[in-house]
């Protein structure tokens, strides 16, 4: 049995002081997005910061706090991320929306997309 091969792409979104929304477009190569993970740099100040994925302005991953997408310490690298099943070979938009603006802290979030490469 041939082992699956993976590639990855990353997108970074940021909330500067007094901002509540940011988004970043990303082109995903051919394959299937099988998992996403997030790393948060900065202080969320216990705010809810919802992360969603859109394609052509349609939500394909519904908004949920970014902490639900943080990589955890369980299992393999792939198993430690949030599972998804989305087609590659197209553009997506990563969007974050904070429940409140911060007057003192900025936050940067990097999202990794694990892509199972197509078998030819």
N, C-alpha and C. Protein backbone atom coordinates (compact mmCIF):
# COMPACT_ATOMS: atom_id res chain seq x y z
N UNK A 1 0.84 -1.18 0.00
CA UNK A 1 0.00 0.00 0.00
C UNK A 1 0.89 1.25 0.00
N UNK A 2 0.63 2.13 -0.92
CA UNK A 2 1.43 3.35 -1.03
C UNK A 2 1.00 4.35 0.04
N UNK A 3 1.99 4.92 0.70
CA UNK A 3 1.73 5.90 1.74
C UNK A 3 1.36 7.24 1.09
N UNK A 4 0.38 7.94 1.68
CA UNK A 4 -0.04 9.24 1.16
C UNK A 4 1.11 10.25 1.27
N UNK A 5 1.16 11.14 0.29
CA UNK A 5 2.16 12.20 0.31
C UNK A 5 1.44 13.52 0.57
N UNK A 6 2.09 14.37 1.35
CA UNK A 6 1.47 15.62 1.76
C UNK A 6 2.33 16.82 1.38
N UNK A 7 1.66 17.92 1.17
CA UNK A 7 2.30 19.21 0.96
C UNK A 7 1.61 20.16 1.93
N UNK A 8 2.10 21.38 2.03
CA UNK A 8 1.42 22.33 2.89
C UNK A 8 1.55 23.74 2.34
N UNK A 9 0.62 24.57 2.71
CA UNK A 9 0.63 26.00 2.43
C UNK A 9 0.28 26.71 3.72
N UNK A 10 0.73 27.94 3.86
CA UNK A 10 0.39 28.72 5.04
C UNK A 10 -0.20 30.07 4.65
N UNK A 11 -1.02 30.57 5.53
CA UNK A 11 -1.57 31.92 5.40
C UNK A 11 -1.47 32.58 6.77
N UNK A 12 -1.22 33.88 6.78
CA UNK A 12 -1.10 34.61 8.04
C UNK A 12 -2.10 35.76 8.06
N UNK A 13 -2.86 35.83 9.14
CA UNK A 13 -3.81 36.92 9.35
C UNK A 13 -3.44 37.62 10.66
N UNK A 14 -3.75 38.91 10.75
CA UNK A 14 -3.35 39.69 11.92
C UNK A 14 -4.46 40.64 12.33
N UNK A 15 -4.53 40.87 13.63
CA UNK A 15 -5.40 41.91 14.17
C UNK A 15 -4.51 42.92 14.86
N UNK A 16 -4.42 44.10 14.28
CA UNK A 16 -3.66 45.17 14.91
C UNK A 16 -4.51 45.77 16.04
N UNK A 17 -3.91 46.63 16.80
CA UNK A 17 -4.65 47.33 17.86
C UNK A 17 -5.86 48.03 17.25
N UNK A 18 -7.00 47.86 17.90
CA UNK A 18 -8.29 48.46 17.50
C UNK A 18 -8.91 47.84 16.25
N UNK A 19 -8.41 46.72 15.76
CA UNK A 19 -9.02 46.02 14.62
C UNK A 19 -9.76 44.78 15.09
N UNK A 20 -10.83 44.42 14.37
CA UNK A 20 -11.59 43.22 14.71
C UNK A 20 -11.70 42.22 13.57
N UNK A 21 -11.27 42.58 12.35
CA UNK A 21 -11.42 41.69 11.19
C UNK A 21 -10.16 41.73 10.34
N UNK A 22 -9.76 40.55 9.84
CA UNK A 22 -8.71 40.48 8.82
C UNK A 22 -8.95 39.23 8.00
N UNK A 23 -8.46 39.24 6.77
CA UNK A 23 -8.57 38.05 5.93
C UNK A 23 -7.36 38.00 5.00
N UNK A 24 -7.10 36.81 4.51
CA UNK A 24 -5.97 36.58 3.61
C UNK A 24 -6.39 35.53 2.59
N UNK A 25 -6.15 35.82 1.34
CA UNK A 25 -6.44 34.85 0.28
C UNK A 25 -5.23 33.94 0.10
N UNK A 26 -5.53 32.67 -0.22
CA UNK A 26 -4.46 31.69 -0.42
C UNK A 26 -4.85 30.77 -1.56
N UNK A 27 -3.90 30.48 -2.43
CA UNK A 27 -4.11 29.54 -3.53
C UNK A 27 -3.62 28.17 -3.07
N UNK A 28 -4.50 27.22 -3.07
CA UNK A 28 -4.16 25.86 -2.63
C UNK A 28 -3.88 25.01 -3.87
N UNK A 29 -2.76 24.26 -3.86
CA UNK A 29 -2.46 23.41 -5.02
C UNK A 29 -3.42 22.22 -5.11
N UNK A 30 -3.33 21.50 -6.23
CA UNK A 30 -4.16 20.31 -6.43
C UNK A 30 -3.97 19.33 -5.29
N UNK A 31 -5.03 18.64 -4.96
CA UNK A 31 -5.04 17.66 -3.89
C UNK A 31 -6.27 17.86 -3.03
N UNK A 32 -6.23 17.34 -1.82
CA UNK A 32 -7.32 17.48 -0.87
C UNK A 32 -6.79 18.06 0.42
N UNK A 33 -7.41 19.12 0.91
CA UNK A 33 -7.03 19.67 2.22
C UNK A 33 -7.61 18.73 3.26
N UNK A 34 -6.74 18.07 4.02
CA UNK A 34 -7.20 17.08 4.99
C UNK A 34 -7.16 17.58 6.43
N UNK A 35 -6.41 18.67 6.68
CA UNK A 35 -6.33 19.21 8.03
C UNK A 35 -5.83 20.64 7.99
N UNK A 36 -6.20 21.40 9.02
CA UNK A 36 -5.67 22.74 9.20
C UNK A 36 -5.22 22.88 10.65
N UNK A 37 -4.22 23.70 10.85
CA UNK A 37 -3.73 23.98 12.20
C UNK A 37 -3.41 25.45 12.30
N UNK A 38 -3.43 25.97 13.53
CA UNK A 38 -3.17 27.39 13.73
C UNK A 38 -2.18 27.59 14.87
N UNK A 39 -1.32 28.58 14.69
CA UNK A 39 -0.41 29.04 15.73
C UNK A 39 -0.77 30.49 16.00
N UNK A 40 -0.96 30.82 17.28
CA UNK A 40 -1.33 32.18 17.67
C UNK A 40 -0.12 32.85 18.30
N UNK A 41 0.25 34.01 17.77
CA UNK A 41 1.33 34.82 18.34
C UNK A 41 0.71 36.11 18.85
N UNK A 42 0.92 36.39 20.11
CA UNK A 42 0.34 37.58 20.71
C UNK A 42 -0.69 37.18 21.74
N UNK A 43 -1.32 38.16 22.32
CA UNK A 43 -2.25 37.96 23.43
C UNK A 43 -3.68 38.14 22.93
N UNK A 44 -4.48 37.08 23.03
CA UNK A 44 -5.88 37.18 22.62
C UNK A 44 -6.72 37.89 23.69
N UNK A 45 -6.15 38.10 24.87
CA UNK A 45 -6.84 38.78 25.97
C UNK A 45 -8.19 38.14 26.27
N UNK A 46 -8.26 36.84 26.16
CA UNK A 46 -9.49 36.09 26.40
C UNK A 46 -10.66 36.50 25.51
N UNK A 47 -10.34 37.12 24.37
CA UNK A 47 -11.38 37.43 23.38
C UNK A 47 -11.65 36.19 22.55
N UNK A 48 -12.86 36.08 22.07
CA UNK A 48 -13.16 35.05 21.08
C UNK A 48 -12.72 35.61 19.73
N UNK A 49 -11.87 34.85 19.04
CA UNK A 49 -11.44 35.23 17.70
C UNK A 49 -11.83 34.08 16.78
N UNK A 50 -12.90 34.29 16.04
CA UNK A 50 -13.42 33.25 15.17
C UNK A 50 -12.61 33.16 13.88
N UNK A 51 -12.31 31.91 13.50
CA UNK A 51 -11.61 31.60 12.26
C UNK A 51 -12.59 30.88 11.34
N UNK A 52 -12.64 31.31 10.09
CA UNK A 52 -13.46 30.61 9.11
C UNK A 52 -12.71 30.55 7.79
N UNK A 53 -13.14 29.66 6.92
CA UNK A 53 -12.59 29.55 5.56
C UNK A 53 -13.72 29.79 4.58
N UNK A 54 -13.41 30.58 3.56
CA UNK A 54 -14.39 30.89 2.54
C UNK A 54 -13.85 30.53 1.17
N UNK A 55 -14.77 30.19 0.29
CA UNK A 55 -14.44 30.00 -1.12
C UNK A 55 -15.52 30.71 -1.91
N UNK A 56 -15.12 31.66 -2.76
CA UNK A 56 -16.08 32.47 -3.52
C UNK A 56 -17.12 33.11 -2.60
N UNK A 57 -16.66 33.63 -1.45
CA UNK A 57 -17.50 34.29 -0.44
C UNK A 57 -18.50 33.37 0.24
N UNK A 58 -18.37 32.06 0.07
CA UNK A 58 -19.21 31.09 0.76
C UNK A 58 -18.39 30.40 1.84
N UNK A 59 -18.96 30.29 3.04
CA UNK A 59 -18.25 29.61 4.12
C UNK A 59 -18.15 28.12 3.83
N UNK A 60 -16.93 27.59 3.87
CA UNK A 60 -16.72 26.15 3.73
C UNK A 60 -16.26 25.55 5.06
N UNK A 61 -15.76 26.38 5.96
CA UNK A 61 -15.50 26.01 7.35
C UNK A 61 -16.13 27.12 8.18
N UNK A 62 -17.15 26.75 8.94
CA UNK A 62 -17.90 27.73 9.71
C UNK A 62 -17.05 28.37 10.80
N UNK A 63 -17.38 29.61 11.19
CA UNK A 63 -16.60 30.30 12.22
C UNK A 63 -16.63 29.57 13.55
N UNK A 64 -15.45 29.44 14.14
CA UNK A 64 -15.28 28.88 15.48
C UNK A 64 -14.00 29.49 16.04
N UNK A 65 -13.92 29.60 17.35
CA UNK A 65 -12.75 30.21 17.96
C UNK A 65 -11.48 29.54 17.45
N UNK A 66 -10.49 30.34 17.14
CA UNK A 66 -9.24 29.85 16.56
C UNK A 66 -8.56 28.82 17.46
N UNK A 67 -8.82 28.87 18.76
CA UNK A 67 -8.18 27.90 19.68
C UNK A 67 -8.63 26.47 19.40
N UNK A 68 -9.81 26.30 18.76
CA UNK A 68 -10.24 24.95 18.38
C UNK A 68 -9.40 24.40 17.23
N UNK A 69 -8.65 25.27 16.55
CA UNK A 69 -7.84 24.86 15.41
C UNK A 69 -6.36 24.80 15.76
N UNK A 70 -6.01 25.19 17.00
CA UNK A 70 -4.60 25.12 17.39
C UNK A 70 -4.11 23.69 17.36
N UNK A 71 -2.90 23.52 16.86
CA UNK A 71 -2.25 22.21 16.86
C UNK A 71 -2.12 21.74 18.30
N UNK A 72 -2.44 20.45 18.55
CA UNK A 72 -2.30 19.92 19.91
C UNK A 72 -1.16 18.90 19.95
N UNK A 73 -0.92 18.33 21.09
CA UNK A 73 0.22 17.42 21.26
C UNK A 73 -0.14 15.95 21.04
N UNK A 74 -1.36 15.65 20.60
CA UNK A 74 -1.76 14.26 20.46
C UNK A 74 -1.47 13.67 19.09
N UNK A 75 -1.07 12.41 19.07
CA UNK A 75 -0.89 11.68 17.82
C UNK A 75 0.22 12.21 16.94
N UNK A 76 0.14 11.86 15.66
CA UNK A 76 1.13 12.31 14.68
C UNK A 76 0.92 13.79 14.39
N UNK A 77 1.82 14.37 13.62
CA UNK A 77 1.69 15.78 13.26
C UNK A 77 0.33 16.03 12.61
N UNK A 78 -0.04 15.20 11.66
CA UNK A 78 -1.31 15.35 10.96
C UNK A 78 -2.50 15.17 11.91
N UNK A 79 -2.44 14.17 12.78
CA UNK A 79 -3.53 13.90 13.72
C UNK A 79 -3.69 14.99 14.77
N UNK A 80 -2.68 15.82 14.94
CA UNK A 80 -2.75 16.86 15.96
C UNK A 80 -3.44 18.13 15.47
N UNK A 81 -3.91 18.11 14.21
CA UNK A 81 -4.57 19.28 13.64
C UNK A 81 -6.06 19.02 13.44
N UNK A 82 -6.80 20.09 13.13
CA UNK A 82 -8.25 20.01 12.92
C UNK A 82 -8.53 19.35 11.58
N UNK A 83 -9.27 18.22 11.57
CA UNK A 83 -9.56 17.55 10.30
C UNK A 83 -10.57 18.32 9.47
N UNK A 84 -10.32 18.38 8.18
CA UNK A 84 -11.26 18.95 7.21
C UNK A 84 -11.19 18.08 5.96
N UNK A 85 -12.09 18.29 5.04
CA UNK A 85 -12.09 17.55 3.78
C UNK A 85 -12.56 18.53 2.70
N UNK A 86 -11.58 19.24 2.12
CA UNK A 86 -11.88 20.27 1.14
C UNK A 86 -11.04 20.06 -0.11
N UNK A 87 -11.61 20.32 -1.28
CA UNK A 87 -10.83 20.15 -2.50
C UNK A 87 -9.76 21.22 -2.65
N UNK A 88 -8.62 20.83 -3.17
CA UNK A 88 -7.56 21.77 -3.49
C UNK A 88 -7.70 22.25 -4.91
N UNK A 89 -6.63 22.88 -5.41
CA UNK A 89 -6.63 23.37 -6.77
C UNK A 89 -7.49 24.60 -6.97
N UNK A 90 -7.69 25.34 -5.90
CA UNK A 90 -8.52 26.54 -5.97
C UNK A 90 -8.15 27.52 -4.87
N UNK A 91 -8.61 28.76 -4.99
CA UNK A 91 -8.30 29.75 -3.95
C UNK A 91 -9.29 29.67 -2.78
N UNK A 92 -8.80 30.00 -1.61
CA UNK A 92 -9.62 30.10 -0.41
C UNK A 92 -9.30 31.43 0.26
N UNK A 93 -10.13 31.80 1.20
CA UNK A 93 -9.89 32.98 2.01
C UNK A 93 -9.98 32.60 3.48
N UNK A 94 -8.93 32.90 4.23
CA UNK A 94 -8.92 32.70 5.68
C UNK A 94 -9.42 34.00 6.28
N UNK A 95 -10.39 33.90 7.18
CA UNK A 95 -10.95 35.11 7.79
C UNK A 95 -10.99 34.95 9.30
N UNK A 96 -10.59 36.02 10.01
CA UNK A 96 -10.73 36.04 11.47
C UNK A 96 -11.57 37.26 11.85
N UNK A 97 -12.41 37.06 12.86
CA UNK A 97 -13.26 38.12 13.38
C UNK A 97 -13.22 38.03 14.90
N UNK A 98 -12.78 39.11 15.55
CA UNK A 98 -12.70 39.15 17.01
C UNK A 98 -14.01 39.67 17.59
N UNK A 99 -14.35 39.16 18.77
CA UNK A 99 -15.57 39.60 19.44
C UNK A 99 -15.46 41.03 19.94
N UNK A 100 -14.24 41.51 20.12
CA UNK A 100 -14.01 42.89 20.57
C UNK A 100 -12.63 43.32 20.11
N UNK A 101 -12.48 44.62 19.91
CA UNK A 101 -11.16 45.16 19.56
C UNK A 101 -10.32 45.29 20.82
N UNK A 102 -9.02 45.16 20.67
CA UNK A 102 -8.10 45.39 21.78
C UNK A 102 -7.50 46.78 21.62
N UNK A 103 -7.38 47.49 22.72
CA UNK A 103 -6.77 48.81 22.67
C UNK A 103 -5.27 48.75 22.97
N UNK A 104 -4.76 47.54 23.32
CA UNK A 104 -3.35 47.44 23.70
C UNK A 104 -2.58 46.28 23.07
N UNK A 105 -3.25 45.27 22.52
CA UNK A 105 -2.56 44.07 22.05
C UNK A 105 -2.90 43.76 20.60
N UNK A 106 -1.88 43.31 19.86
CA UNK A 106 -2.10 42.81 18.51
C UNK A 106 -1.95 41.29 18.53
N UNK A 107 -2.53 40.64 17.55
CA UNK A 107 -2.50 39.17 17.46
C UNK A 107 -2.20 38.80 16.02
N UNK A 108 -1.32 37.80 15.84
CA UNK A 108 -1.01 37.28 14.52
C UNK A 108 -1.28 35.78 14.56
N UNK A 109 -1.94 35.28 13.53
CA UNK A 109 -2.30 33.86 13.47
C UNK A 109 -1.82 33.29 12.15
N UNK A 110 -1.04 32.20 12.23
CA UNK A 110 -0.62 31.52 11.02
C UNK A 110 -1.39 30.20 10.93
N UNK A 111 -2.00 29.97 9.77
CA UNK A 111 -2.76 28.76 9.53
C UNK A 111 -2.01 27.91 8.53
N UNK A 112 -1.86 26.64 8.86
CA UNK A 112 -1.21 25.70 7.95
C UNK A 112 -2.29 24.79 7.37
N UNK A 113 -2.22 24.60 6.07
CA UNK A 113 -3.13 23.72 5.35
C UNK A 113 -2.34 22.48 4.95
N UNK A 114 -2.73 21.31 5.43
CA UNK A 114 -2.10 20.05 5.02
C UNK A 114 -2.87 19.50 3.83
N UNK A 115 -2.15 19.31 2.74
CA UNK A 115 -2.77 18.90 1.48
C UNK A 115 -2.28 17.53 1.08
N UNK A 116 -3.20 16.60 0.96
CA UNK A 116 -2.82 15.27 0.46
C UNK A 116 -2.71 15.39 -1.05
N UNK A 117 -1.53 15.06 -1.55
CA UNK A 117 -1.27 15.22 -2.99
C UNK A 117 -2.01 14.15 -3.77
N UNK A 118 -2.48 14.51 -4.98
CA UNK A 118 -3.19 13.51 -5.79
C UNK A 118 -2.23 12.42 -6.25
N UNK A 119 -2.78 11.22 -6.40
CA UNK A 119 -1.99 10.09 -6.90
C UNK A 119 -2.22 9.99 -8.40
N UNK A 120 -1.15 9.94 -9.15
CA UNK A 120 -1.25 9.84 -10.61
C UNK A 120 -0.81 8.50 -11.09
